[in-house]
N, C-alpha and C. Protein backbone atom coordinates (compact mmCIF):
# COMPACT_ATOMS: atom_id res chain seq x y z
N MET A 1 110.70 184.20 -69.10
CA MET A 1 109.24 184.70 -68.89
C MET A 1 108.90 186.22 -69.74
N HIS A 2 108.15 186.48 -70.49
CA HIS A 2 107.86 187.34 -71.56
C HIS A 2 107.37 187.80 -70.40
N LYS A 3 106.95 189.36 -70.17
CA LYS A 3 105.94 189.85 -69.28
C LYS A 3 105.47 191.25 -70.06
N THR A 4 104.24 191.34 -69.92
CA THR A 4 103.54 192.19 -70.27
C THR A 4 103.02 193.13 -68.95
N ILE A 5 102.73 194.49 -69.23
CA ILE A 5 102.11 195.18 -68.38
C ILE A 5 101.19 196.26 -69.44
N ILE A 6 100.32 196.00 -68.65
CA ILE A 6 98.94 196.68 -68.47
C ILE A 6 98.26 197.86 -67.91
N ILE A 7 98.35 199.20 -68.58
CA ILE A 7 97.94 199.99 -67.25
C ILE A 7 96.56 200.65 -67.75
N LEU A 8 95.39 200.30 -67.04
CA LEU A 8 94.24 200.99 -67.36
C LEU A 8 94.25 202.67 -67.23
N ALA A 9 93.61 203.00 -68.04
CA ALA A 9 93.66 204.52 -67.83
C ALA A 9 92.46 205.49 -68.12
N GLY A 10 91.51 204.22 -68.44
CA GLY A 10 90.43 205.03 -69.04
C GLY A 10 89.15 204.84 -68.11
N GLY A 11 89.18 204.87 -66.62
CA GLY A 11 88.09 205.06 -65.41
C GLY A 11 87.43 206.42 -65.57
N LYS A 12 86.90 206.32 -65.04
CA LYS A 12 85.90 207.62 -65.22
C LYS A 12 86.17 208.84 -64.16
N SER A 13 87.23 208.63 -63.08
CA SER A 13 87.33 209.35 -62.09
C SER A 13 86.89 210.28 -61.08
N ARG A 14 85.56 209.14 -60.62
CA ARG A 14 84.73 210.09 -60.23
C ARG A 14 85.05 211.02 -59.24
N ARG A 15 85.64 210.43 -57.80
CA ARG A 15 86.29 211.35 -56.95
C ARG A 15 87.02 212.57 -57.13
N PHE A 16 87.82 212.37 -58.51
CA PHE A 16 88.20 213.63 -58.92
C PHE A 16 87.42 214.94 -59.65
N HIS A 17 86.14 214.66 -59.69
CA HIS A 17 85.09 215.54 -59.85
C HIS A 17 85.27 215.22 -61.69
N SER A 18 85.51 216.64 -62.19
CA SER A 18 85.46 216.29 -63.71
C SER A 18 87.32 216.39 -63.99
N PHE A 19 88.08 216.50 -63.57
CA PHE A 19 89.20 216.21 -63.47
C PHE A 19 89.91 214.71 -64.20
N ASP A 20 90.41 214.59 -65.23
CA ASP A 20 90.95 212.88 -65.53
C ASP A 20 91.84 212.59 -64.60
N LYS A 21 92.13 211.75 -63.83
CA LYS A 21 93.03 211.65 -62.92
C LYS A 21 94.39 211.17 -63.48
N CYS A 22 94.34 210.43 -65.00
CA CYS A 22 95.22 209.75 -65.24
C CYS A 22 96.55 211.25 -65.95
N PHE A 23 96.01 212.41 -65.65
CA PHE A 23 96.58 213.30 -66.32
C PHE A 23 97.34 214.02 -64.37
N ALA A 24 96.93 213.57 -63.69
CA ALA A 24 97.27 214.01 -62.37
C ALA A 24 98.65 213.60 -62.11
N THR A 25 99.41 214.64 -61.07
CA THR A 25 100.86 214.80 -61.33
C THR A 25 101.45 214.35 -59.94
N LEU A 26 102.37 213.93 -59.33
CA LEU A 26 102.90 213.68 -57.99
C LEU A 26 104.64 213.74 -57.74
N ASP A 27 104.85 214.81 -57.30
CA ASP A 27 106.32 215.16 -57.26
C ASP A 27 106.65 215.63 -59.15
N ASN A 28 105.43 216.33 -59.58
CA ASN A 28 105.74 216.71 -60.88
C ASN A 28 105.96 215.98 -61.44
N LYS A 29 105.42 214.60 -61.72
CA LYS A 29 105.26 213.80 -62.83
C LYS A 29 103.84 212.86 -62.57
N LEU A 30 103.19 212.35 -64.10
CA LEU A 30 102.13 211.85 -63.90
C LEU A 30 102.28 210.76 -63.25
N LEU A 31 100.85 210.46 -62.45
CA LEU A 31 100.93 209.26 -61.80
C LEU A 31 101.28 207.87 -62.31
N MET A 32 100.77 207.89 -63.87
CA MET A 32 100.98 207.13 -64.53
C MET A 32 102.83 206.94 -65.09
N HIS A 33 103.08 208.11 -65.07
CA HIS A 33 104.77 208.15 -65.31
C HIS A 33 105.54 206.99 -64.25
N HIS A 34 104.92 207.04 -62.76
CA HIS A 34 105.45 206.81 -61.92
C HIS A 34 105.69 204.82 -62.19
N ALA A 35 104.44 204.86 -62.39
CA ALA A 35 104.27 203.30 -62.53
C ALA A 35 105.14 202.85 -64.00
N ILE A 36 105.07 203.71 -65.07
CA ILE A 36 105.47 203.45 -66.25
C ILE A 36 107.18 203.01 -66.03
N ASP A 37 108.14 204.05 -65.11
CA ASP A 37 109.27 204.11 -64.87
C ASP A 37 109.62 202.88 -64.06
N THR A 38 108.99 202.58 -63.22
CA THR A 38 108.81 201.36 -62.04
C THR A 38 108.98 200.04 -62.79
N LEU A 39 108.14 199.72 -63.76
CA LEU A 39 107.72 198.65 -64.57
C LEU A 39 108.65 198.48 -65.70
N SER A 40 109.31 199.46 -66.35
CA SER A 40 109.99 199.32 -67.22
C SER A 40 110.69 198.48 -67.21
N GLY A 41 111.51 197.84 -65.74
CA GLY A 41 112.42 197.12 -65.61
C GLY A 41 111.82 195.34 -65.93
N PRO A 42 111.09 195.37 -65.36
CA PRO A 42 110.35 193.82 -65.77
C PRO A 42 109.81 193.57 -66.63
N ALA A 43 109.40 194.65 -67.35
CA ALA A 43 108.32 194.70 -68.42
C ALA A 43 109.04 194.35 -70.24
N ASP A 44 108.43 193.60 -71.03
CA ASP A 44 108.90 193.81 -72.51
C ASP A 44 108.18 194.16 -73.13
N GLU A 45 106.91 194.84 -72.79
CA GLU A 45 106.25 195.52 -73.07
C GLU A 45 105.40 196.33 -72.61
N ILE A 46 105.05 197.43 -72.44
CA ILE A 46 103.67 198.17 -71.76
C ILE A 46 103.01 198.64 -72.48
N ILE A 47 101.29 198.23 -72.03
CA ILE A 47 100.48 198.52 -72.85
C ILE A 47 99.75 199.65 -71.99
N VAL A 48 98.96 200.73 -72.70
CA VAL A 48 98.37 201.65 -72.06
C VAL A 48 96.76 201.36 -72.32
N ALA A 49 95.49 201.41 -71.78
CA ALA A 49 94.67 201.48 -72.64
C ALA A 49 93.69 202.43 -72.20
N ALA A 50 93.37 203.23 -73.02
CA ALA A 50 93.04 204.64 -73.00
C ALA A 50 91.20 204.49 -72.98
N ARG A 51 90.68 205.13 -72.78
CA ARG A 51 88.94 205.44 -72.61
C ARG A 51 88.80 205.31 -74.13
N ASP A 52 89.27 206.19 -74.97
CA ASP A 52 88.80 206.80 -76.25
C ASP A 52 89.90 207.22 -77.28
N GLU A 53 89.53 207.85 -78.23
CA GLU A 53 90.69 208.10 -79.13
C GLU A 53 91.29 209.56 -78.31
N GLN A 54 90.18 210.67 -77.88
CA GLN A 54 90.54 211.62 -77.52
C GLN A 54 91.41 211.62 -76.38
N GLN A 55 90.91 210.81 -75.30
CA GLN A 55 91.96 210.81 -74.42
C GLN A 55 93.38 209.74 -74.82
N GLY A 56 93.35 208.86 -75.64
CA GLY A 56 94.39 208.08 -76.06
C GLY A 56 95.31 209.72 -76.61
N GLU A 57 94.82 210.27 -77.69
CA GLU A 57 95.78 211.19 -78.32
C GLU A 57 96.48 212.28 -76.84
N GLN A 58 95.90 212.55 -75.85
CA GLN A 58 96.35 213.54 -74.82
C GLN A 58 97.71 212.28 -74.39
N ILE A 59 97.08 211.10 -73.93
CA ILE A 59 98.20 210.42 -73.61
C ILE A 59 99.48 210.07 -74.52
N ARG A 60 99.14 209.98 -75.86
CA ARG A 60 100.05 209.28 -76.71
C ARG A 60 100.97 210.64 -76.53
N ALA A 61 100.79 211.85 -76.38
CA ALA A 61 101.60 213.05 -76.02
C ALA A 61 102.29 213.45 -75.04
N LYS A 62 102.19 212.36 -74.16
CA LYS A 62 102.85 212.67 -72.32
C LYS A 62 103.71 211.60 -72.52
N VAL A 63 103.46 210.46 -73.19
CA VAL A 63 104.50 208.70 -72.69
C VAL A 63 105.27 208.66 -73.63
N PRO A 64 106.16 207.76 -73.75
CA PRO A 64 107.24 207.59 -74.20
C PRO A 64 106.67 206.87 -75.66
N ASP A 65 107.31 206.72 -76.81
CA ASP A 65 107.24 206.73 -77.91
C ASP A 65 106.67 204.71 -77.86
N ARG A 66 107.56 204.40 -76.86
CA ARG A 66 107.68 202.58 -76.89
C ARG A 66 106.67 202.04 -76.02
N ILE A 67 105.75 203.15 -75.42
CA ILE A 67 104.45 202.91 -74.78
C ILE A 67 103.27 202.30 -76.06
N ILE A 68 102.95 201.12 -75.93
CA ILE A 68 102.01 200.65 -76.77
C ILE A 68 100.34 201.58 -76.22
N LEU A 69 100.03 202.09 -77.28
CA LEU A 69 98.58 202.46 -76.53
C LEU A 69 97.48 201.91 -77.49
N VAL A 70 96.36 201.44 -76.98
CA VAL A 70 95.17 200.92 -76.87
C VAL A 70 93.91 201.97 -76.94
N PHE A 71 92.73 201.04 -77.21
CA PHE A 71 91.69 202.09 -77.02
C PHE A 71 90.40 200.68 -76.23
N ASP A 72 89.79 201.53 -75.49
CA ASP A 72 88.53 200.67 -75.33
C ASP A 72 87.55 200.51 -76.40
N SER A 73 86.99 199.39 -76.92
CA SER A 73 86.18 199.07 -77.99
C SER A 73 85.06 198.83 -77.73
N LEU A 74 84.69 198.59 -76.44
CA LEU A 74 83.20 198.09 -75.71
C LEU A 74 82.74 199.29 -74.57
N LYS A 75 81.83 199.53 -74.69
CA LYS A 75 81.23 200.13 -73.66
C LYS A 75 80.32 199.56 -72.83
N GLY A 76 80.07 199.74 -71.56
CA GLY A 76 79.13 199.68 -70.47
C GLY A 76 79.91 198.47 -70.01
N LEU A 77 81.22 198.17 -70.21
CA LEU A 77 81.86 197.08 -69.75
C LEU A 77 82.97 197.52 -68.26
N GLY A 78 83.02 198.85 -68.20
CA GLY A 78 83.98 199.52 -67.08
C GLY A 78 85.54 199.17 -67.77
N PRO A 79 85.87 198.77 -66.29
CA PRO A 79 87.61 198.22 -66.37
C PRO A 79 87.96 197.17 -67.37
N LEU A 80 86.68 196.26 -67.62
CA LEU A 80 86.93 195.16 -68.28
C LEU A 80 87.17 195.44 -69.91
N ALA A 81 86.80 196.52 -70.42
CA ALA A 81 87.03 196.99 -71.74
C ALA A 81 88.47 197.44 -71.70
N GLY A 82 89.34 197.96 -70.79
CA GLY A 82 90.59 197.89 -71.25
C GLY A 82 91.24 196.94 -70.49
N PHE A 83 90.72 196.00 -70.24
CA PHE A 83 90.94 194.34 -70.01
C PHE A 83 91.39 193.90 -71.56
N ILE A 84 90.32 193.71 -72.10
CA ILE A 84 90.28 193.28 -73.48
C ILE A 84 90.91 193.64 -74.44
N ALA A 85 91.06 195.27 -74.47
CA ALA A 85 91.89 195.89 -75.10
C ALA A 85 93.32 195.53 -74.98
N GLY A 86 93.71 195.63 -73.93
CA GLY A 86 95.21 195.65 -73.37
C GLY A 86 95.54 193.82 -73.93
N LEU A 87 94.52 193.08 -73.53
CA LEU A 87 94.89 191.61 -73.44
C LEU A 87 94.86 191.26 -75.21
N GLU A 88 94.11 191.77 -75.88
CA GLU A 88 93.90 191.17 -76.92
C GLU A 88 95.40 191.92 -77.91
N ARG A 89 95.77 193.07 -77.58
CA ARG A 89 97.18 193.58 -78.07
C ARG A 89 98.35 192.78 -77.28
N ALA A 90 98.26 192.67 -76.33
CA ALA A 90 99.57 191.75 -75.55
C ALA A 90 100.21 190.78 -76.62
N SER A 91 101.98 190.88 -76.21
CA SER A 91 102.19 190.06 -76.85
C SER A 91 102.21 188.59 -76.80
N PHE A 92 102.57 188.40 -74.96
CA PHE A 92 102.72 187.56 -74.27
C PHE A 92 101.61 186.92 -73.64
N ALA A 93 102.00 185.89 -73.14
CA ALA A 93 100.79 185.00 -72.28
C ALA A 93 100.54 185.63 -71.23
N TYR A 94 101.43 186.06 -70.22
CA TYR A 94 100.96 186.40 -69.03
C TYR A 94 101.16 188.18 -69.13
N SER A 95 99.84 188.92 -68.21
CA SER A 95 100.30 190.30 -68.41
C SER A 95 99.69 190.57 -66.91
N PHE A 96 100.41 191.71 -66.40
CA PHE A 96 100.39 192.13 -65.19
C PHE A 96 99.15 193.85 -65.57
N VAL A 97 98.29 193.73 -64.59
CA VAL A 97 97.00 194.63 -65.10
C VAL A 97 97.12 195.40 -63.68
N ILE A 98 97.15 196.74 -63.79
CA ILE A 98 97.38 197.79 -63.19
C ILE A 98 96.65 199.27 -63.59
N GLY A 99 95.83 199.88 -62.00
CA GLY A 99 95.48 201.19 -62.57
C GLY A 99 96.33 202.24 -62.69
N CYS A 100 96.14 203.33 -63.55
CA CYS A 100 96.76 204.38 -63.64
C CYS A 100 97.25 205.18 -62.32
N ASP A 101 96.40 204.90 -61.04
CA ASP A 101 96.65 205.85 -60.20
C ASP A 101 97.14 205.12 -59.13
N MET A 102 98.20 203.99 -59.38
CA MET A 102 99.10 203.35 -58.52
C MET A 102 100.52 203.83 -58.59
N PRO A 103 100.80 204.92 -58.21
CA PRO A 103 102.43 205.46 -58.59
C PRO A 103 103.39 204.50 -57.64
N PHE A 104 102.96 203.79 -56.54
CA PHE A 104 103.89 203.29 -55.83
C PHE A 104 104.44 201.80 -55.73
N VAL A 105 103.55 201.15 -57.14
CA VAL A 105 104.01 199.94 -57.26
C VAL A 105 105.28 199.56 -57.41
N ASN A 106 105.14 198.35 -56.65
CA ASN A 106 106.73 197.59 -56.10
C ASN A 106 106.96 196.58 -57.12
N GLU A 107 108.61 196.97 -57.82
CA GLU A 107 108.80 196.16 -59.14
C GLU A 107 109.12 194.70 -58.40
N ARG A 108 109.39 194.34 -57.58
CA ARG A 108 110.11 193.03 -56.95
C ARG A 108 108.67 192.31 -56.55
N VAL A 109 107.31 193.16 -55.96
CA VAL A 109 106.27 192.45 -55.93
C VAL A 109 105.58 192.21 -57.21
N VAL A 110 105.66 192.73 -58.42
CA VAL A 110 105.41 192.76 -59.61
C VAL A 110 106.09 191.02 -60.17
N ASP A 111 107.06 190.89 -60.02
CA ASP A 111 108.23 190.22 -60.68
C ASP A 111 107.74 188.71 -60.00
N TRP A 112 107.35 188.78 -58.55
CA TRP A 112 107.12 187.69 -57.50
C TRP A 112 105.78 187.22 -58.50
N LEU A 113 104.73 188.23 -58.48
CA LEU A 113 103.65 187.61 -59.03
C LEU A 113 103.38 186.81 -60.68
N PHE A 114 104.39 187.55 -61.17
CA PHE A 114 104.81 186.71 -62.65
C PHE A 114 105.06 185.35 -61.99
N GLU A 115 106.42 185.30 -61.37
CA GLU A 115 106.77 184.30 -60.99
C GLU A 115 106.20 183.00 -60.50
N ILE A 116 104.98 183.69 -59.88
CA ILE A 116 104.05 182.16 -59.40
C ILE A 116 103.06 182.41 -60.48
N ALA A 117 102.89 183.18 -61.29
CA ALA A 117 101.64 182.55 -62.48
C ALA A 117 102.23 181.78 -63.48
N SER A 118 103.98 182.06 -63.58
CA SER A 118 104.30 181.09 -64.33
C SER A 118 104.00 179.37 -64.09
N THR A 119 104.00 179.04 -63.10
CA THR A 119 103.62 177.78 -62.16
C THR A 119 102.30 177.35 -62.72
N GLY A 120 101.67 178.06 -63.83
CA GLY A 120 100.57 177.27 -64.53
C GLY A 120 99.20 177.92 -64.17
N TYR A 121 99.16 179.10 -63.53
CA TYR A 121 97.73 180.05 -62.75
C TYR A 121 97.13 180.52 -63.75
N ASP A 122 96.05 180.71 -64.07
CA ASP A 122 95.11 181.39 -64.69
C ASP A 122 95.33 183.13 -63.99
N ALA A 123 95.53 183.08 -63.04
CA ALA A 123 95.87 184.44 -62.27
C ALA A 123 95.95 184.32 -61.03
N VAL A 124 96.96 185.65 -60.57
CA VAL A 124 97.52 185.23 -59.56
C VAL A 124 96.88 186.69 -58.65
N VAL A 125 96.17 186.87 -58.09
CA VAL A 125 95.21 188.18 -57.38
C VAL A 125 95.43 188.26 -55.88
N PRO A 126 96.27 189.31 -55.47
CA PRO A 126 96.54 189.40 -54.02
C PRO A 126 95.00 189.60 -53.28
N ARG A 127 94.74 189.10 -51.93
CA ARG A 127 93.83 189.06 -51.57
C ARG A 127 94.38 189.35 -49.70
N TRP A 128 93.47 190.45 -49.56
CA TRP A 128 93.53 190.91 -47.98
C TRP A 128 92.54 190.23 -47.15
N GLU A 129 92.88 190.40 -45.84
CA GLU A 129 92.72 189.26 -44.81
C GLU A 129 90.90 189.08 -44.48
N ASN A 130 90.61 190.44 -45.09
CA ASN A 130 89.05 190.22 -44.95
C ASN A 130 88.38 189.95 -46.45
N GLY A 131 88.86 189.39 -46.96
CA GLY A 131 88.46 189.12 -48.35
C GLY A 131 88.66 189.89 -49.77
N MET A 132 88.75 191.17 -49.26
CA MET A 132 89.02 192.31 -50.34
C MET A 132 90.34 191.69 -51.37
N LEU A 133 89.89 192.22 -52.72
CA LEU A 133 90.95 191.65 -53.21
C LEU A 133 91.23 192.55 -54.13
N GLU A 134 92.67 192.39 -54.88
CA GLU A 134 93.27 193.51 -55.54
C GLU A 134 93.44 193.19 -57.14
N PRO A 135 92.11 193.38 -57.85
CA PRO A 135 91.91 192.76 -59.07
C PRO A 135 92.88 193.43 -60.16
N LEU A 136 92.78 194.95 -60.02
CA LEU A 136 93.94 195.76 -60.61
C LEU A 136 95.34 195.62 -60.12
N HIS A 137 95.75 194.78 -59.45
CA HIS A 137 97.27 194.94 -59.17
C HIS A 137 97.38 193.22 -59.09
N ALA A 138 97.46 192.51 -60.60
CA ALA A 138 97.35 191.16 -60.63
C ALA A 138 97.88 190.56 -61.52
N VAL A 139 98.18 189.54 -61.91
CA VAL A 139 98.67 188.86 -63.19
C VAL A 139 97.27 188.11 -63.62
N TYR A 140 97.53 187.96 -65.18
CA TYR A 140 96.43 187.02 -65.53
C TYR A 140 96.87 186.74 -67.22
N ARG A 141 96.68 185.34 -67.21
CA ARG A 141 97.13 184.91 -68.24
C ARG A 141 96.12 185.05 -69.38
N LYS A 142 96.72 185.36 -70.77
CA LYS A 142 95.85 185.94 -71.62
C LYS A 142 94.54 185.56 -72.08
N GLU A 143 94.58 183.99 -72.91
CA GLU A 143 93.28 183.50 -73.31
C GLU A 143 92.50 182.96 -72.25
N PRO A 144 93.03 182.45 -71.16
CA PRO A 144 91.38 182.21 -69.90
C PRO A 144 90.93 183.44 -69.82
N MET A 145 91.78 184.56 -69.49
CA MET A 145 90.63 185.88 -69.12
C MET A 145 90.29 186.22 -69.84
N LEU A 146 90.50 186.31 -71.38
CA LEU A 146 89.75 186.97 -72.06
C LEU A 146 88.27 185.99 -72.46
N ALA A 147 88.90 184.99 -72.50
CA ALA A 147 87.54 183.87 -72.74
C ALA A 147 86.24 184.13 -71.35
N ALA A 148 86.98 184.38 -70.17
CA ALA A 148 86.00 184.64 -69.41
C ALA A 148 85.05 186.30 -68.96
N ILE A 149 86.28 187.03 -69.96
CA ILE A 149 85.75 188.15 -69.70
C ILE A 149 83.98 188.33 -70.85
N LYS A 150 84.82 187.80 -72.05
CA LYS A 150 83.69 187.65 -73.42
C LYS A 150 82.81 186.90 -72.80
N GLU A 151 82.90 185.85 -71.84
CA GLU A 151 81.33 185.20 -71.68
C GLU A 151 80.77 186.26 -70.73
N ALA A 152 81.58 186.72 -69.72
CA ALA A 152 80.58 187.64 -68.66
C ALA A 152 80.15 188.57 -69.51
N ALA A 153 80.27 189.42 -70.63
CA ALA A 153 79.88 189.98 -71.59
C ALA A 153 78.46 189.86 -71.81
N LYS A 154 78.81 188.45 -72.45
CA LYS A 154 77.19 187.66 -73.11
C LYS A 154 76.50 187.73 -71.73
N GLN A 155 76.95 187.16 -70.59
CA GLN A 155 76.24 187.61 -69.32
C GLN A 155 75.82 188.83 -68.93
N GLY A 156 75.64 189.50 -69.82
CA GLY A 156 75.49 190.90 -68.86
C GLY A 156 76.38 191.22 -67.59
N ASP A 157 77.22 190.40 -67.25
CA ASP A 157 77.74 190.50 -65.98
C ASP A 157 79.27 191.54 -66.05
N ALA A 158 79.02 192.40 -65.78
CA ALA A 158 80.46 193.23 -66.12
C ALA A 158 81.31 193.21 -64.72
N LYS A 159 81.46 192.83 -64.05
CA LYS A 159 81.88 192.77 -62.64
C LYS A 159 83.28 191.80 -62.80
N ILE A 160 84.29 192.38 -62.09
CA ILE A 160 85.63 191.74 -62.41
C ILE A 160 85.29 190.49 -61.27
N SER A 161 84.82 190.38 -60.11
CA SER A 161 84.72 189.15 -59.53
C SER A 161 84.22 187.88 -59.97
N TYR A 162 82.84 188.48 -61.08
CA TYR A 162 82.48 187.15 -61.82
C TYR A 162 83.59 186.56 -62.65
N VAL A 163 84.62 187.44 -63.44
CA VAL A 163 85.26 187.19 -64.58
C VAL A 163 86.17 185.96 -63.46
N ILE A 164 86.70 186.76 -62.92
CA ILE A 164 87.78 186.22 -61.79
C ILE A 164 87.15 184.49 -61.39
N SER A 165 85.70 184.71 -61.43
CA SER A 165 85.33 182.93 -60.44
C SER A 165 85.17 182.19 -61.71
N GLN A 166 85.05 182.36 -63.01
CA GLN A 166 84.82 182.02 -64.18
C GLN A 166 86.45 180.99 -64.31
N LEU A 167 87.62 181.58 -63.79
CA LEU A 167 88.88 180.96 -64.19
C LEU A 167 88.79 179.96 -63.40
N LYS A 168 89.56 178.89 -63.98
CA LYS A 168 89.90 177.54 -63.43
C LYS A 168 90.84 177.52 -62.44
N ASP A 169 92.19 178.03 -62.31
CA ASP A 169 93.46 178.37 -61.71
C ASP A 169 93.41 179.37 -61.14
N VAL A 170 92.89 179.99 -59.79
CA VAL A 170 93.33 181.07 -59.59
C VAL A 170 94.34 181.03 -58.20
N CYS A 171 95.73 181.71 -57.98
CA CYS A 171 96.16 181.93 -56.89
C CYS A 171 95.56 183.20 -56.34
N PHE A 172 94.93 183.01 -54.77
CA PHE A 172 94.79 184.49 -54.46
C PHE A 172 95.90 184.36 -53.17
N LEU A 173 96.76 185.17 -53.66
CA LEU A 173 98.01 185.40 -52.66
C LEU A 173 97.45 186.22 -51.15
N PRO A 174 97.61 185.81 -50.15
CA PRO A 174 97.69 186.56 -49.07
C PRO A 174 98.83 187.69 -48.97
N VAL A 175 97.84 188.98 -49.00
CA VAL A 175 98.61 190.31 -48.75
C VAL A 175 99.88 190.08 -48.01
N ASN A 176 99.48 189.40 -47.00
CA ASN A 176 100.59 189.95 -45.45
C ASN A 176 101.54 188.75 -45.87
N GLN A 177 101.82 188.25 -46.97
CA GLN A 177 102.98 187.32 -47.40
C GLN A 177 103.80 188.50 -48.08
N ILE A 178 102.98 189.64 -48.76
CA ILE A 178 104.01 190.52 -49.83
C ILE A 178 104.59 191.39 -48.80
N ARG A 179 104.07 191.28 -47.34
CA ARG A 179 105.19 192.09 -46.67
C ARG A 179 106.64 192.07 -46.41
N GLU A 180 107.00 190.91 -46.64
CA GLU A 180 108.48 190.40 -46.69
C GLU A 180 109.19 190.99 -47.84
N ILE A 181 107.95 191.21 -48.59
CA ILE A 181 109.17 192.51 -50.06
C ILE A 181 108.72 193.58 -49.66
N ASP A 182 107.30 194.25 -49.46
CA ASP A 182 107.17 195.54 -49.13
C ASP A 182 106.47 195.63 -47.78
N PRO A 183 107.30 195.92 -46.87
CA PRO A 183 106.56 195.59 -45.53
C PRO A 183 105.43 196.86 -45.09
N ARG A 184 105.41 198.08 -45.88
CA ARG A 184 104.23 198.92 -45.82
C ARG A 184 102.88 198.58 -46.89
N LEU A 185 103.09 197.78 -47.50
CA LEU A 185 102.73 197.64 -48.64
C LEU A 185 102.11 198.67 -49.60
N GLU A 186 103.17 199.43 -49.93
CA GLU A 186 102.89 200.94 -50.75
C GLU A 186 102.49 200.54 -52.01
N THR A 187 102.77 199.25 -52.65
CA THR A 187 102.37 198.97 -53.93
C THR A 187 100.84 198.81 -53.80
N PHE A 188 100.25 198.80 -53.11
CA PHE A 188 98.76 198.48 -53.48
C PHE A 188 97.83 200.19 -53.08
N THR A 189 98.78 201.33 -52.79
CA THR A 189 98.44 202.63 -52.46
C THR A 189 97.58 203.22 -53.72
N ASN A 190 96.59 203.46 -53.64
CA ASN A 190 96.19 204.15 -55.02
C ASN A 190 95.55 205.75 -54.58
N ILE A 191 95.95 206.60 -55.62
CA ILE A 191 95.83 207.88 -55.24
C ILE A 191 93.78 208.11 -55.94
N ASN A 192 93.14 208.53 -54.62
CA ASN A 192 91.65 208.24 -55.16
C ASN A 192 91.18 209.69 -54.95
N THR A 193 91.97 210.98 -54.39
CA THR A 193 91.26 211.78 -54.04
C THR A 193 92.14 213.24 -54.87
N PRO A 194 91.56 214.02 -54.95
CA PRO A 194 92.46 215.36 -55.32
C PRO A 194 93.69 215.63 -54.14
N GLU A 195 92.39 215.60 -52.81
CA GLU A 195 92.98 216.00 -51.66
C GLU A 195 94.90 215.30 -51.32
N ALA A 196 94.64 213.72 -51.83
CA ALA A 196 95.74 213.17 -51.59
C ALA A 196 96.89 213.73 -52.38
N LEU A 197 96.62 214.05 -53.53
CA LEU A 197 97.55 214.88 -54.75
C LEU A 197 98.29 216.43 -53.60
N LYS A 198 97.64 216.99 -52.62
CA LYS A 198 97.79 218.28 -52.42
C LYS A 198 99.46 218.18 -51.13
N LYS A 199 99.54 216.83 -50.80
CA LYS A 199 100.47 216.31 -49.93
C LYS A 199 101.60 216.49 -50.17
N ASN A 200 102.54 216.59 -49.74
CA ASN A 200 104.11 216.60 -50.16
C ASN A 200 104.27 215.13 -50.53
N GLY A 201 105.15 215.56 -51.86
CA GLY A 201 105.33 214.01 -52.50
C GLY A 201 106.23 213.55 -51.78
N ASN A 202 107.39 213.97 -51.42
CA ASN A 202 108.30 213.28 -50.54
C ASN A 202 107.87 211.97 -49.57
N ASP A 203 106.93 213.10 -48.37
CA ASP A 203 106.40 212.45 -47.71
C ASP A 203 104.86 211.37 -47.93
N PHE A 204 104.66 211.61 -48.83
CA PHE A 204 103.72 211.04 -49.27
C PHE A 204 103.13 209.56 -49.35
N PHE A 205 102.25 209.39 -48.03
CA PHE A 205 101.90 207.53 -48.13
C PHE A 205 100.44 207.83 -47.34
N ILE A 206 99.90 207.05 -48.28
CA ILE A 206 98.34 206.32 -47.41
C ILE A 206 98.31 204.76 -47.28
N PRO A 207 98.27 204.47 -46.45
CA PRO A 207 98.20 203.08 -46.47
C PRO A 207 97.01 202.51 -46.96
N ALA A 208 97.40 201.44 -47.68
CA ALA A 208 96.19 201.15 -48.56
C ALA A 208 94.72 200.66 -47.82
N HIS A 209 95.13 200.31 -46.74
CA HIS A 209 93.87 199.20 -45.86
C HIS A 209 93.13 200.49 -45.12
N ILE A 210 93.43 201.68 -45.57
CA ILE A 210 92.75 202.68 -44.69
C ILE A 210 92.21 203.76 -45.73
N MET A 211 92.37 203.47 -47.08
CA MET A 211 92.20 204.47 -48.14
C MET A 211 90.52 203.53 -48.46
N LYS A 212 89.71 204.17 -49.50
CA LYS A 212 88.51 203.52 -49.95
C LYS A 212 88.65 202.67 -50.87
N PRO A 213 87.97 201.34 -50.81
CA PRO A 213 88.58 200.19 -51.47
C PRO A 213 88.47 201.12 -53.10
N ASN A 214 89.59 200.07 -53.98
CA ASN A 214 89.59 200.43 -55.03
C ASN A 214 87.78 200.21 -56.05
N ASP A 215 87.57 200.86 -56.71
CA ASP A 215 86.41 201.07 -57.48
C ASP A 215 86.29 199.44 -58.11
N TYR A 216 87.30 198.73 -58.10
CA TYR A 216 86.93 197.78 -58.62
C TYR A 216 87.12 196.49 -58.17
N SER A 217 87.63 196.67 -56.39
CA SER A 217 87.68 195.48 -55.64
C SER A 217 86.54 195.03 -55.13
N TYR A 218 86.40 193.77 -54.88
CA TYR A 218 85.29 193.07 -54.26
C TYR A 218 85.63 192.27 -53.45
N ASN A 219 84.50 191.65 -52.73
CA ASN A 219 84.66 190.49 -51.19
C ASN A 219 84.69 189.39 -51.90
N SER A 220 85.54 188.54 -51.65
CA SER A 220 85.56 186.80 -52.13
C SER A 220 85.14 186.05 -51.09
N SER A 221 84.84 185.06 -51.26
CA SER A 221 84.81 183.98 -50.13
C SER A 221 85.43 182.38 -50.96
N ASN A 222 86.19 182.79 -52.03
CA ASN A 222 87.06 181.68 -52.71
C ASN A 222 88.41 181.45 -52.17
N THR A 223 88.86 180.32 -52.22
CA THR A 223 89.92 180.27 -51.27
C THR A 223 91.09 179.60 -52.39
């Protein structure tokens, strides 16, 4: 199974004040580089979706040449603009989509999500016991996801929750099952504040369930 990795770098970084967190470093390495290094194993291609050409030029200077760079072409869609740009460029049927602020992503977890998706799902999205989803740590099938996003754009609804609800076959994977691979669930940890970066890199760990929810997570009653 061929695998595309899409890293969304175009977020507004509100909690980083005026600093673009895609250029923040942890252990002297860009947050994005942590994900790139980890996911280079399972990936057949890695795409980074930048906010615009200006940000893209800065990213291009910092990532390997093999990384494919795309730009958000639609405004007002939040992360969905990055989804569209990345998925339209993707060469393969399934893509793992992740935010640029998740440096502890687990390669084995990602491989497992792809494995589940390959059985015929339109998406495999981890779900916490409280119903919170991890849509920016999930695998999506290209064509159904693009169609759902474009329909959402027509309806004026830029929420990922709405898009996922339009997909026919979604596996909402209980997060506790992922503990078998990643007992502390570090794979879901995202770096949301400058204060987190001040911690010692080697000892750095903030459990995902006590951090502020990802900007794009949402509560779902779907089963």
